[in-house]
Each structure stands twice: as C-alpha cells, then as structure tokens.
C-alpha atoms as a PDB file:
ATOM      1  CA  UNK A   1      27.358  11.417   4.451  1.00  0.00           C
ATOM      2  CA  UNK A   2      24.693  13.841   5.821  1.00  0.00           C
ATOM      3  CA  UNK A   3      23.723  15.154   2.359  1.00  0.00           C
ATOM      4  CA  UNK A   4      23.347  11.590   1.199  1.00  0.00           C
ATOM      5  CA  UNK A   5      20.997  10.877   4.094  1.00  0.00           C
ATOM      6  CA  UNK A   6      18.898  13.889   3.118  1.00  0.00           C
ATOM      7  CA  UNK A   7      18.695  12.745  -0.497  1.00  0.00           C
ATOM      8  CA  UNK A   8      17.830   9.243   0.675  1.00  0.00           C
ATOM      9  CA  UNK A   9      14.912  10.553   2.734  1.00  0.00           C
ATOM     10  CA  UNK A  10      13.641  12.666  -0.150  1.00  0.00           C
ATOM     11  CA  UNK A  11      13.942   9.761  -2.589  1.00  0.00           C
ATOM     12  CA  UNK A  12      12.025   7.560  -0.155  1.00  0.00           C
ATOM     13  CA  UNK A  13       9.143  10.045  -0.040  1.00  0.00           C
ATOM     14  CA  UNK A  14       9.125  10.343  -3.847  1.00  0.00           C
ATOM     15  CA  UNK A  15       9.098   6.545  -4.190  1.00  0.00           C
ATOM     16  CA  UNK A  16       6.203   6.366  -1.734  1.00  0.00           C
ATOM     17  CA  UNK A  17       4.215   8.909  -3.763  1.00  0.00           C
ATOM     18  CA  UNK A  18       4.977   6.948  -6.925  1.00  0.00           C
ATOM     19  CA  UNK A  19       3.945   3.672  -5.285  1.00  0.00           C
ATOM     20  CA  UNK A  20       0.506   4.904  -4.261  1.00  0.00           C
ATOM     21  CA  UNK A  21      -0.013   6.455  -7.699  1.00  0.00           C
ATOM     22  CA  UNK A  22       0.745   3.090  -9.303  1.00  0.00           C
ATOM     23  CA  UNK A  23      -1.556   1.349  -6.826  1.00  0.00           C
ATOM     24  CA  UNK A  24      -4.357   3.668  -7.998  1.00  0.00           C
ATOM     25  CA  UNK A  25      -4.030   2.420 -11.590  1.00  0.00           C
ATOM     26  CA  UNK A  26      -3.872  -1.131 -10.219  1.00  0.00           C
ATOM     27  CA  UNK A  27      -7.061  -0.602  -8.176  1.00  0.00           C
ATOM     28  CA  UNK A  28      -8.900   0.935 -11.139  1.00  0.00           C
ATOM     29  CA  UNK A  29      -8.123  -2.144 -13.251  1.00  0.00           C
ATOM     30  CA  UNK A  30      -9.230  -4.412 -10.387  1.00  0.00           C
ATOM     31  CA  UNK A  31     -12.505  -2.469 -10.112  1.00  0.00           C
ATOM     32  CA  UNK A  32     -13.260  -3.216 -13.771  1.00  0.00           C
ATOM     33  CA  UNK A  33     -12.246  -6.860 -13.511  1.00  0.00           C
ATOM     34  CA  UNK A  34     -14.287  -7.716 -10.410  1.00  0.00           C
ATOM     35  CA  UNK A  35     -17.492  -7.323 -12.433  1.00  0.00           C
ATOM     36  CA  UNK A  36     -16.953 -10.745 -14.055  1.00  0.00           C
ATOM     37  CA  UNK A  37     -13.646 -12.111 -12.717  1.00  0.00           C
ATOM     38  CA  UNK A  38     -13.381 -13.707  -9.229  1.00  0.00           C
ATOM     39  CA  UNK A  39     -11.121 -11.873  -6.780  1.00  0.00           C
ATOM     40  CA  UNK A  40      -8.963 -14.953  -6.201  1.00  0.00           C
ATOM     41  CA  UNK A  41      -8.277 -15.239  -9.913  1.00  0.00           C
ATOM     42  CA  UNK A  42      -7.264 -11.581 -10.167  1.00  0.00           C
ATOM     43  CA  UNK A  43      -4.855 -12.157  -7.289  1.00  0.00           C
ATOM     44  CA  UNK A  44      -3.500 -15.262  -9.034  1.00  0.00           C
ATOM     45  CA  UNK A  45      -2.698 -13.467 -12.300  1.00  0.00           C
ATOM     46  CA  UNK A  46      -1.201 -10.494 -10.457  1.00  0.00           C
ATOM     47  CA  UNK A  47       0.991 -12.738  -8.313  1.00  0.00           C
ATOM     48  CA  UNK A  48       2.044 -14.790 -11.343  1.00  0.00           C
ATOM     49  CA  UNK A  49       3.094 -11.665 -13.269  1.00  0.00           C
ATOM     50  CA  UNK A  50       5.042 -10.212 -10.337  1.00  0.00           C
ATOM     51  CA  UNK A  51       6.635 -13.561  -9.453  1.00  0.00           C
ATOM     52  CA  UNK A  52       7.876 -14.203 -12.997  1.00  0.00           C
ATOM     53  CA  UNK A  53       9.073 -10.614 -13.431  1.00  0.00           C
ATOM     54  CA  UNK A  54      10.939 -10.660 -10.128  1.00  0.00           C
ATOM     55  CA  UNK A  55      12.520 -14.011 -10.912  1.00  0.00           C
ATOM     56  CA  UNK A  56      13.681 -12.789 -14.336  1.00  0.00           C
ATOM     57  CA  UNK A  57      15.192  -9.608 -12.881  1.00  0.00           C
ATOM     58  CA  UNK A  58      16.703 -11.149  -9.750  1.00  0.00           C
ATOM     59  CA  UNK A  59      17.828 -14.408 -11.371  1.00  0.00           C
ATOM     60  CA  UNK A  60      19.554 -17.176  -9.463  1.00  0.00           C
ATOM     61  CA  UNK A  61      21.021 -14.941  -6.718  1.00  0.00           C
ATOM     62  CA  UNK A  62      17.611 -13.859  -5.409  1.00  0.00           C
ATOM     63  CA  UNK A  63      16.259 -17.408  -5.744  1.00  0.00           C
ATOM     64  CA  UNK A  64      19.180 -18.794  -3.722  1.00  0.00           C
ATOM     65  CA  UNK A  65      18.659 -16.101  -1.111  1.00  0.00           C
ATOM     66  CA  UNK A  66      14.973 -17.002  -0.818  1.00  0.00           C
ATOM     67  CA  UNK A  67      15.988 -20.577   0.000  1.00  0.00           C
ATOM     68  CA  UNK A  68      18.648 -19.589   2.551  1.00  0.00           C
ATOM     69  CA  UNK A  69      17.281 -16.448   4.223  1.00  0.00           C
ATOM     70  CA  UNK A  70      16.896 -16.735   8.009  1.00  0.00           C
ATOM     71  CA  UNK A  71      13.780 -14.549   7.803  1.00  0.00           C
ATOM     72  CA  UNK A  72      11.446 -17.103   6.255  1.00  0.00           C
ATOM     73  CA  UNK A  73       9.027 -16.940   9.187  1.00  0.00           C
ATOM     74  CA  UNK A  74       8.472 -13.133   9.198  1.00  0.00           C
ATOM     75  CA  UNK A  75       8.372 -13.126   5.387  1.00  0.00           C
ATOM     76  CA  UNK A  76       5.665 -15.792   5.371  1.00  0.00           C
ATOM     77  CA  UNK A  77       3.792 -14.088   8.212  1.00  0.00           C
ATOM     78  CA  UNK A  78       3.745 -10.795   6.317  1.00  0.00           C
ATOM     79  CA  UNK A  79       2.522 -12.448   3.100  1.00  0.00           C
ATOM     80  CA  UNK A  80      -0.354 -14.208   4.862  1.00  0.00           C
ATOM     81  CA  UNK A  81      -1.180 -11.035   6.794  1.00  0.00           C
ATOM     82  CA  UNK A  82      -1.390  -8.992   3.593  1.00  0.00           C
ATOM     83  CA  UNK A  83      -3.516 -11.643   1.887  1.00  0.00           C
ATOM     84  CA  UNK A  84      -5.974 -11.657   4.792  1.00  0.00           C
ATOM     85  CA  UNK A  85      -6.096  -7.851   4.848  1.00  0.00           C
ATOM     86  CA  UNK A  86      -6.744  -7.770   1.111  1.00  0.00           C
ATOM     87  CA  UNK A  87      -9.638 -10.222   1.398  1.00  0.00           C
ATOM     88  CA  UNK A  88     -11.168  -8.366   4.374  1.00  0.00           C
ATOM     89  CA  UNK A  89     -11.016  -5.054   2.523  1.00  0.00           C
ATOM     90  CA  UNK A  90     -12.609  -6.272  -0.695  1.00  0.00           C
ATOM     91  CA  UNK A  91     -15.268  -8.218   1.177  1.00  0.00           C
ATOM     92  CA  UNK A  92     -16.235  -5.074   3.093  1.00  0.00           C
ATOM     93  CA  UNK A  93     -16.196  -2.973  -0.102  1.00  0.00           C
ATOM     94  CA  UNK A  94     -19.316  -4.801  -1.281  1.00  0.00           C
ATOM     95  CA  UNK A  95     -21.355  -3.407   1.643  1.00  0.00           C
ATOM     96  CA  UNK A  96     -19.907   0.014   2.543  1.00  0.00           C
ATOM     97  CA  UNK A  97     -20.069   3.329   0.666  1.00  0.00           C
ATOM     98  CA  UNK A  98     -16.721   4.400  -0.770  1.00  0.00           C
ATOM     99  CA  UNK A  99     -16.368   7.375   1.601  1.00  0.00           C
ATOM    100  CA  UNK A 100     -16.798   5.260   4.716  1.00  0.00           C
ATOM    101  CA  UNK A 101     -14.611   2.498   3.310  1.00  0.00           C
ATOM    102  CA  UNK A 102     -11.787   4.910   2.503  1.00  0.00           C
ATOM    103  CA  UNK A 103     -11.871   6.729   5.828  1.00  0.00           C
ATOM    104  CA  UNK A 104     -11.943   3.547   7.881  1.00  0.00           C
ATOM    105  CA  UNK A 105      -9.074   2.080   5.875  1.00  0.00           C
ATOM    106  CA  UNK A 106      -6.952   5.189   6.373  1.00  0.00           C
ATOM    107  CA  UNK A 107      -6.845   4.462  10.088  1.00  0.00           C
ATOM    108  CA  UNK A 108      -3.845   2.346   9.016  1.00  0.00           C
ATOM    109  CA  UNK A 109      -1.289   5.216   8.898  1.00  0.00           C
ATOM    110  CA  UNK A 110      -2.262   6.229  12.444  1.00  0.00           C
ATOM    111  CA  UNK A 111      -1.717   2.651  13.625  1.00  0.00           C
ATOM    112  CA  UNK A 112       1.661   2.578  11.851  1.00  0.00           C
ATOM    113  CA  UNK A 113       2.812   5.646  13.777  1.00  0.00           C
ATOM    114  CA  UNK A 114       1.623   4.125  17.061  1.00  0.00           C
ATOM    115  CA  UNK A 115       3.485   0.867  16.366  1.00  0.00           C
ATOM    116  CA  UNK A 116       6.648   2.388  14.885  1.00  0.00           C
ATOM    117  CA  UNK A 117       8.010   3.707  18.182  1.00  0.00           C
ATOM    118  CA  UNK A 118       7.255   0.537  20.127  1.00  0.00           C
ATOM    119  CA  UNK A 119       8.203  -2.153  17.586  1.00  0.00           C
ATOM    120  CA  UNK A 120      10.884  -0.423  15.505  1.00  0.00           C
ATOM    121  CA  UNK A 121      12.338   1.943  18.054  1.00  0.00           C
ATOM    122  CA  UNK A 122      11.696   4.913  15.775  1.00  0.00           C
ATOM    123  CA  UNK A 123      11.602   8.428  17.160  1.00  0.00           C
ATOM    124  CA  UNK A 124       8.196   9.743  16.136  1.00  0.00           C
ATOM    125  CA  UNK A 125       8.736  13.500  15.976  1.00  0.00           C
ATOM    126  CA  UNK A 126       6.090  16.183  16.346  1.00  0.00           C
ATOM    127  CA  UNK A 127       6.273  16.795  12.607  1.00  0.00           C
ATOM    128  CA  UNK A 128       5.456  13.148  11.893  1.00  0.00           C
ATOM    129  CA  UNK A 129       2.548  13.183  14.337  1.00  0.00           C
ATOM    130  CA  UNK A 130       1.309  16.420  12.789  1.00  0.00           C
ATOM    131  CA  UNK A 131       1.620  14.981   9.282  1.00  0.00           C
ATOM    132  CA  UNK A 132      -0.340  11.833   9.999  1.00  0.00           C
ATOM    133  CA  UNK A 133      -2.981  13.747  12.018  1.00  0.00           C
ATOM    134  CA  UNK A 134      -3.541  16.419   9.341  1.00  0.00           C
ATOM    135  CA  UNK A 135      -3.659  13.695   6.693  1.00  0.00           C
ATOM    136  CA  UNK A 136      -6.320  11.785   8.619  1.00  0.00           C
ATOM    137  CA  UNK A 137      -8.457  14.907   9.086  1.00  0.00           C
ATOM    138  CA  UNK A 138      -8.083  15.625   5.364  1.00  0.00           C
ATOM    139  CA  UNK A 139      -9.203  12.086   4.565  1.00  0.00           C
ATOM    140  CA  UNK A 140     -12.308  12.487   6.712  1.00  0.00           C
ATOM    141  CA  UNK A 141     -13.206  15.743   4.976  1.00  0.00           C
ATOM    142  CA  UNK A 142     -12.556  14.363   1.499  1.00  0.00           C
ATOM    143  CA  UNK A 143     -14.342  11.051   2.047  1.00  0.00           C
ATOM    144  CA  UNK A 144     -17.433  12.409   3.835  1.00  0.00           C
ATOM    145  CA  UNK A 145     -17.687   9.431   6.202  1.00  0.00           C
ATOM    146  CA  UNK A 146     -20.688  10.641   8.204  1.00  0.00           C
ATOM    147  CA  UNK A 147     -23.074   7.868   9.087  1.00  0.00           C
ATOM    148  CA  UNK A 148     -20.413   5.293   9.951  1.00  0.00           C
ATOM    149  CA  UNK A 149     -21.878   2.705  12.302  1.00  0.00           C
ATOM    150  CA  UNK A 150     -20.395  -0.347  13.932  1.00  0.00           C
ATOM    151  CA  UNK A 151     -21.136  -3.346  11.735  1.00  0.00           C
ATOM    152  CA  UNK A 152     -19.480  -6.487  10.423  1.00  0.00           C
ATOM    153  CA  UNK A 153     -18.185  -4.738   7.245  1.00  0.00           C
ATOM    154  CA  UNK A 154     -16.871  -1.874   9.407  1.00  0.00           C
ATOM    155  CA  UNK A 155     -15.025  -4.362  11.593  1.00  0.00           C
ATOM    156  CA  UNK A 156     -13.562  -6.023   8.488  1.00  0.00           C
ATOM    157  CA  UNK A 157     -12.155  -2.719   7.197  1.00  0.00           C
ATOM    158  CA  UNK A 158     -10.659  -1.837  10.571  1.00  0.00           C
ATOM    159  CA  UNK A 159      -9.125  -5.311  10.752  1.00  0.00           C
ATOM    160  CA  UNK A 160      -7.685  -4.854   7.254  1.00  0.00           C
ATOM    161  CA  UNK A 161      -6.254  -1.462   8.219  1.00  0.00           C
ATOM    162  CA  UNK A 162      -4.631  -2.871  11.353  1.00  0.00           C
ATOM    163  CA  UNK A 163      -3.129  -5.813   9.468  1.00  0.00           C
ATOM    164  CA  UNK A 164      -1.833  -3.513   6.726  1.00  0.00           C
ATOM    165  CA  UNK A 165      -0.254  -1.276   9.367  1.00  0.00           C
ATOM    166  CA  UNK A 166       1.519  -4.201  11.000  1.00  0.00           C
ATOM    167  CA  UNK A 167       2.565  -5.371   7.535  1.00  0.00           C
ATOM    168  CA  UNK A 168       4.311  -2.011   7.001  1.00  0.00           C
ATOM    169  CA  UNK A 169       6.165  -2.506  10.285  1.00  0.00           C
ATOM    170  CA  UNK A 170       7.269  -6.003   9.224  1.00  0.00           C
ATOM    171  CA  UNK A 171       8.278  -4.712   5.790  1.00  0.00           C
ATOM    172  CA  UNK A 172      10.460  -2.025   7.357  1.00  0.00           C
ATOM    173  CA  UNK A 173      12.014  -4.539   9.757  1.00  0.00           C
ATOM    174  CA  UNK A 174      12.755  -7.089   7.014  1.00  0.00           C
ATOM    175  CA  UNK A 175      14.115  -4.363   4.721  1.00  0.00           C
ATOM    176  CA  UNK A 176      16.976  -3.842   7.163  1.00  0.00           C
ATOM    177  CA  UNK A 177      18.357  -7.244   6.167  1.00  0.00           C
ATOM    178  CA  UNK A 178      16.827  -8.299   2.851  1.00  0.00           C
ATOM    179  CA  UNK A 179      16.316  -6.744  -0.588  1.00  0.00           C
ATOM    180  CA  UNK A 180      13.030  -5.594  -2.068  1.00  0.00           C
ATOM    181  CA  UNK A 181      13.239  -8.241  -4.803  1.00  0.00           C
ATOM    182  CA  UNK A 182      13.528 -11.000  -2.218  1.00  0.00           C
ATOM    183  CA  UNK A 183      10.493  -9.718  -0.311  1.00  0.00           C
ATOM    184  CA  UNK A 184       8.507  -9.545  -3.542  1.00  0.00           C
ATOM    185  CA  UNK A 185       9.526 -13.003  -4.731  1.00  0.00           C
ATOM    186  CA  UNK A 186       8.831 -14.663  -1.386  1.00  0.00           C
ATOM    187  CA  UNK A 187       5.495 -12.932  -0.807  1.00  0.00           C
ATOM    188  CA  UNK A 188       4.141 -13.455  -4.316  1.00  0.00           C
ATOM    189  CA  UNK A 189       5.150 -17.118  -4.260  1.00  0.00           C
ATOM    190  CA  UNK A 190       2.832 -17.634  -1.288  1.00  0.00           C
ATOM    191  CA  UNK A 191       0.087 -15.544  -2.905  1.00  0.00           C
ATOM    192  CA  UNK A 192       0.469 -17.570  -6.093  1.00  0.00           C
ATOM    193  CA  UNK A 193       0.025 -20.950  -4.382  1.00  0.00           C
ATOM    194  CA  UNK A 194      -2.922 -19.940  -2.193  1.00  0.00           C
ATOM    195  CA  UNK A 195      -4.798 -17.928  -4.846  1.00  0.00           C
ATOM    196  CA  UNK A 196      -4.169 -20.608  -7.470  1.00  0.00           C
ATOM    197  CA  UNK A 197      -5.692 -23.289  -5.270  1.00  0.00           C
ATOM    198  CA  UNK A 198      -8.649 -21.047  -4.391  1.00  0.00           C
ATOM    199  CA  UNK A 199      -9.276 -20.159  -8.052  1.00  0.00           C
ATOM    200  CA  UNK A 200      -9.804 -23.717  -9.246  1.00  0.00           C
ATOM    201  CA  UNK A 201     -13.435 -23.964  -8.161  1.00  0.00           C
ATOM    202  CA  UNK A 202     -14.495 -20.636  -9.711  1.00  0.00           C
ATOM    203  CA  UNK A 203     -12.152 -20.402 -12.701  1.00  0.00           C
ATOM    204  CA  UNK A 204     -13.262 -17.876 -15.304  1.00  0.00           C
ATOM    205  CA  UNK A 205     -11.744 -17.939 -18.792  1.00  0.00           C
ATOM    206  CA  UNK A 206     -10.575 -14.347 -19.425  1.00  0.00           C
ATOM    207  CA  UNK A 207     -12.034 -12.606 -22.462  1.00  0.00           C
ATOM    208  CA  UNK A 208      -9.971 -10.702 -25.030  1.00  0.00           C
ATOM    209  CA  UNK A 209     -10.803  -7.459 -23.235  1.00  0.00           C
ATOM    210  CA  UNK A 210      -9.860  -8.787 -19.801  1.00  0.00           C
ATOM    211  CA  UNK A 211      -6.329  -9.904 -20.686  1.00  0.00           C
ATOM    212  CA  UNK A 212      -4.963  -6.328 -20.994  1.00  0.00           C
ATOM    213  CA  UNK A 213      -6.550  -5.446 -17.638  1.00  0.00           C
ATOM    214  CA  UNK A 214      -5.021  -8.523 -15.980  1.00  0.00           C
ATOM    215  CA  UNK A 215      -1.627  -7.555 -17.403  1.00  0.00           C
ATOM    216  CA  UNK A 216      -2.124  -3.995 -16.116  1.00  0.00           C
ATOM    217  CA  UNK A 217      -2.901  -5.302 -12.638  1.00  0.00           C
ATOM    218  CA  UNK A 218       0.237  -7.441 -12.661  1.00  0.00           C
ATOM    219  CA  UNK A 219       2.644  -4.860 -14.086  1.00  0.00           C
ATOM    220  CA  UNK A 220       1.420  -1.864 -12.114  1.00  0.00           C
ATOM    221  CA  UNK A 221       0.996  -3.972  -8.979  1.00  0.00           C
ATOM    222  CA  UNK A 222       4.585  -5.199  -9.284  1.00  0.00           C
ATOM    223  CA  UNK A 223       6.002  -1.717  -9.893  1.00  0.00           C
ATOM    224  CA  UNK A 224       3.979  -0.373  -6.964  1.00  0.00           C
ATOM    225  CA  UNK A 225       5.230  -3.136  -4.680  1.00  0.00           C
ATOM    226  CA  UNK A 226       8.839  -2.487  -5.606  1.00  0.00           C
ATOM    227  CA  UNK A 227       8.419   1.266  -5.093  1.00  0.00           C
ATOM    228  CA  UNK A 228       6.841   0.909  -1.660  1.00  0.00           C
ATOM    229  CA  UNK A 229       9.473  -1.647  -0.561  1.00  0.00           C
ATOM    230  CA  UNK A 230      12.252   0.697  -1.669  1.00  0.00           C
ATOM    231  CA  UNK A 231      10.539   3.604   0.077  1.00  0.00           C
ATOM    232  CA  UNK A 232      10.411   1.558   3.286  1.00  0.00           C
ATOM    233  CA  UNK A 233      14.173   1.030   3.048  1.00  0.00           C
ATOM    234  CA  UNK A 234      14.814   4.782   2.914  1.00  0.00           C
ATOM    235  CA  UNK A 235      12.343   6.435   5.274  1.00  0.00           C
ATOM    236  CA  UNK A 236      10.953   5.537   8.723  1.00  0.00           C
ATOM    237  CA  UNK A 237       7.601   3.776   8.859  1.00  0.00           C
ATOM    238  CA  UNK A 238       6.040   6.836  10.526  1.00  0.00           C
ATOM    239  CA  UNK A 239       7.050   8.968   7.512  1.00  0.00           C
ATOM    240  CA  UNK A 240       5.752   6.420   5.006  1.00  0.00           C
ATOM    241  CA  UNK A 241       2.462   6.415   6.916  1.00  0.00           C
ATOM    242  CA  UNK A 242       1.834  10.067   6.062  1.00  0.00           C
ATOM    243  CA  UNK A 243       2.880   9.528   2.427  1.00  0.00           C
ATOM    244  CA  UNK A 244       0.213   6.819   2.204  1.00  0.00           C
ATOM    245  CA  UNK A 245      -2.509   9.478   2.359  1.00  0.00           C
ATOM    246  CA  UNK A 246      -1.454  10.568  -1.130  1.00  0.00           C
ATOM    247  CA  UNK A 247      -3.297   7.472  -2.337  1.00  0.00           C
ATOM    248  CA  UNK A 248      -6.544   9.366  -1.803  1.00  0.00           C
ATOM    249  CA  UNK A 249      -5.353  12.231  -4.027  1.00  0.00           C
ATOM    250  CA  UNK A 250      -4.411   9.772  -6.768  1.00  0.00           C
ATOM    251  CA  UNK A 251      -7.843   8.139  -6.402  1.00  0.00           C
ATOM    252  CA  UNK A 252      -9.565  11.487  -6.951  1.00  0.00           C
ATOM    253  CA  UNK A 253      -7.490  12.137 -10.067  1.00  0.00           C
ATOM    254  CA  UNK A 254      -8.287   8.671 -11.422  1.00  0.00           C
ATOM    255  CA  UNK A 255     -11.981   9.104 -10.662  1.00  0.00           C
ATOM    256  CA  UNK A 256     -12.048  12.369 -12.578  1.00  0.00           C
ATOM    257  CA  UNK A 257      -9.952  11.110 -15.520  1.00  0.00           C
ATOM    258  CA  UNK A 258     -11.657   7.731 -15.931  1.00  0.00           C
ATOM    259  CA  UNK A 259     -15.210   8.098 -14.619  1.00  0.00           C
ATOM    260  CA  UNK A 260     -15.665  11.872 -14.806  1.00  0.00           C
ATOM    261  CA  UNK A 261     -16.246  12.254 -11.058  1.00  0.00           C
ATOM    262  CA  UNK A 262     -16.034  15.969 -10.183  1.00  0.00           C
ATOM    263  CA  UNK A 263     -14.787  16.599  -6.599  1.00  0.00           C
ATOM    264  CA  UNK A 264     -17.005  18.694  -4.320  1.00  0.00           C
ATOM    265  CA  UNK A 265     -15.605  21.738  -2.460  1.00  0.00           C
ATOM    266  CA  UNK A 266     -15.324  19.664   0.727  1.00  0.00           C
ATOM    267  CA  UNK A 267     -13.340  17.043  -1.139  1.00  0.00           C
ATOM    268  CA  UNK A 268     -10.994  19.718  -2.466  1.00  0.00           C
ATOM    269  CA  UNK A 269     -10.450  21.115   1.045  1.00  0.00           C
ATOM    270  CA  UNK A 270      -9.670  17.623   2.347  1.00  0.00           C
ATOM    271  CA  UNK A 271      -7.351  16.953  -0.575  1.00  0.00           C
ATOM    272  CA  UNK A 272      -5.565  20.247   0.135  1.00  0.00           C
ATOM    273  CA  UNK A 273      -5.056  19.209   3.752  1.00  0.00           C
ATOM    274  CA  UNK A 274      -3.563  15.894   2.663  1.00  0.00           C
ATOM    275  CA  UNK A 275      -1.224  17.642   0.231  1.00  0.00           C
ATOM    276  CA  UNK A 276      -0.215  20.142   2.925  1.00  0.00           C
ATOM    277  CA  UNK A 277       0.537  17.314   5.356  1.00  0.00           C
ATOM    278  CA  UNK A 278       2.875  15.695   2.847  1.00  0.00           C
ATOM    279  CA  UNK A 279       4.644  18.945   1.998  1.00  0.00           C
ATOM    280  CA  UNK A 280       5.129  19.918   5.641  1.00  0.00           C
ATOM    281  CA  UNK A 281       6.470  16.453   6.436  1.00  0.00           C
ATOM    282  CA  UNK A 282       8.938  16.557   3.530  1.00  0.00           C
ATOM    283  CA  UNK A 283      10.225  19.981   4.647  1.00  0.00           C
ATOM    284  CA  UNK A 284      10.521  18.838   8.269  1.00  0.00           C
ATOM    285  CA  UNK A 285      12.418  15.688   7.277  1.00  0.00           C
ATOM    286  CA  UNK A 286      14.906  17.662   5.196  1.00  0.00           C
ATOM    287  CA  UNK A 287      15.494  20.067   8.089  1.00  0.00           C
ATOM    288  CA  UNK A 288      15.954  17.151  10.469  1.00  0.00           C
ATOM    289  CA  UNK A 289      18.556  15.561   8.199  1.00  0.00           C
ATOM    290  CA  UNK A 290      20.298  18.923   7.733  1.00  0.00           C
ATOM    291  CA  UNK A 291      20.364  19.415  11.509  1.00  0.00           C
ATOM    292  CA  UNK A 292      22.043  16.044  11.974  1.00  0.00           C
ATOM    293  CA  UNK A 293      24.704  17.187   9.565  1.00  0.00           C
END
C-alpha cells in the first residue's frame, strides 16, 4: 500500500502539470478567437464539446449518477463560481498588462493553501508552504508586475483568483465522493445553458478558420479539465496549488513558439524559481510518502 500511495502522489503531480499545459493551448486558441468571437459564444462551444464528449464516454451510468447524486448543491455552486471567476478574469484582461494580470491571478495558489487546512483538514507541511511561496516569488519575477495599483480591474482579478481557489477546494471535496466525469458533465451542463442563453443576443457565425480553433478550445479544455480533476483526486489541494504555477512556464513556451516572444533574463530567473519549487515539492512529497511506509 505505501508504494502505491507514493505512485499516486507522483501521478497526481504529473496530471497537474499536463492539465496546465493543456490549458495553455486552450488559452492560446481563446486569445485568437476573442478578436471576433464573443466570449460567451466561445464558452458555449467549449461547454458543448466537453458535455457531449463526457456523455459519450460516461454513457448512461454517469447520466444516472448526475440525476441521483446528493452533491447537486456543491456541484452547482462550483460551476457558477467558476463561471463568475472566468468572466471576471477576462473582463479585467482588457484593461491590465499581462504581467500584472498574471501575478494578481497567481494569488490563487496562496489562497488555496490558506483554505486547505481550514476547510479540508489538510496538513500543510513546510515543504508545501515553501513550494507555494517560492512559486509566487518566481511568478512576480517572471511577470514583472511593478506598477500594480488598486483599481476596478485589479479587484476583478483578485476576485477571480479567490473564487478559483475556493473552486479548487470544492473540487477536492467533491472528488472524495464523485468521479471526474460526473463533475465535468454536471459543470458543463450549467455552463452550456447559461452561455447559450447569453450568446443569443450577440451570436456570431463562425468562419471556416474559426471552427478548428473552437474545436481546439473544446477538446483541449475538456482534456485539461479531466486531468486537473484527476490530479485533485490524487494529491492534496495545497500540493496542486504549487503545481498550478507551472502554467506560467507553459505560457512562456507557447509565447515563444507561437508569437516569437523571447523571455528576458528576469523572466528566466523567475521561471527557474517556479521549476525549482515544483521539483522540491515533488521530492518532498515522495519522501513524505516513503516515511509513512
């Protein structure tokens, strides 16, 4: 049993890294689409793709479980929370520089660690605190957030980060009783209804070039959701919080590969700190599991 626990923890970290890599591709496609396609409509097509895919894979058993689960209220609360966070973040992105936006958003992992002990009863070890702290410092260095001032967009990003953090806590709590497919089906059903209704007034007929991007958003968004849900089943929320910082590394790689953005030395130092935080956390978690054995 102990070796299995160690492998489970390692797999959870790997799934988390994969999830945030997939989210990077998803976000890049969204960035292209938002030029001409309303945000609500992008959300609608993404939710439709994930909902249909989940229903095909899960079949009648997951559909029956959706109808009978005793966790309908927390599942609905999490879906609405994530939708609100998503809207706050993208609204703020129109007014804030990317560096400030990224740094403010990455307050979320810190909030997750603060909430994990109180709401989930997790033991937040020194290694986990060190991981999330080093990751946050690395994010500040890499994002160059100097000049951040209190404003309405700033408040929106901080609100989005807090809601996302609480959403991670709810996801971890629900994962103790329900499968990842059920969480995906339930959440995307709500997203589908709300975004569909909101898209009616501003409907934009996708062009031939936009259809592949919409499909990319749906497929990569669905795979990323499944990966992060499965990661939450295997590692504590405080561990997943540190893994989330890898999203910034993936963003740098995407920026270089797609737009030719060359990282500055400060960015590379910050990225190195983030990578070091993840490596140190993975080593500490393996030692913790081995010690329990």
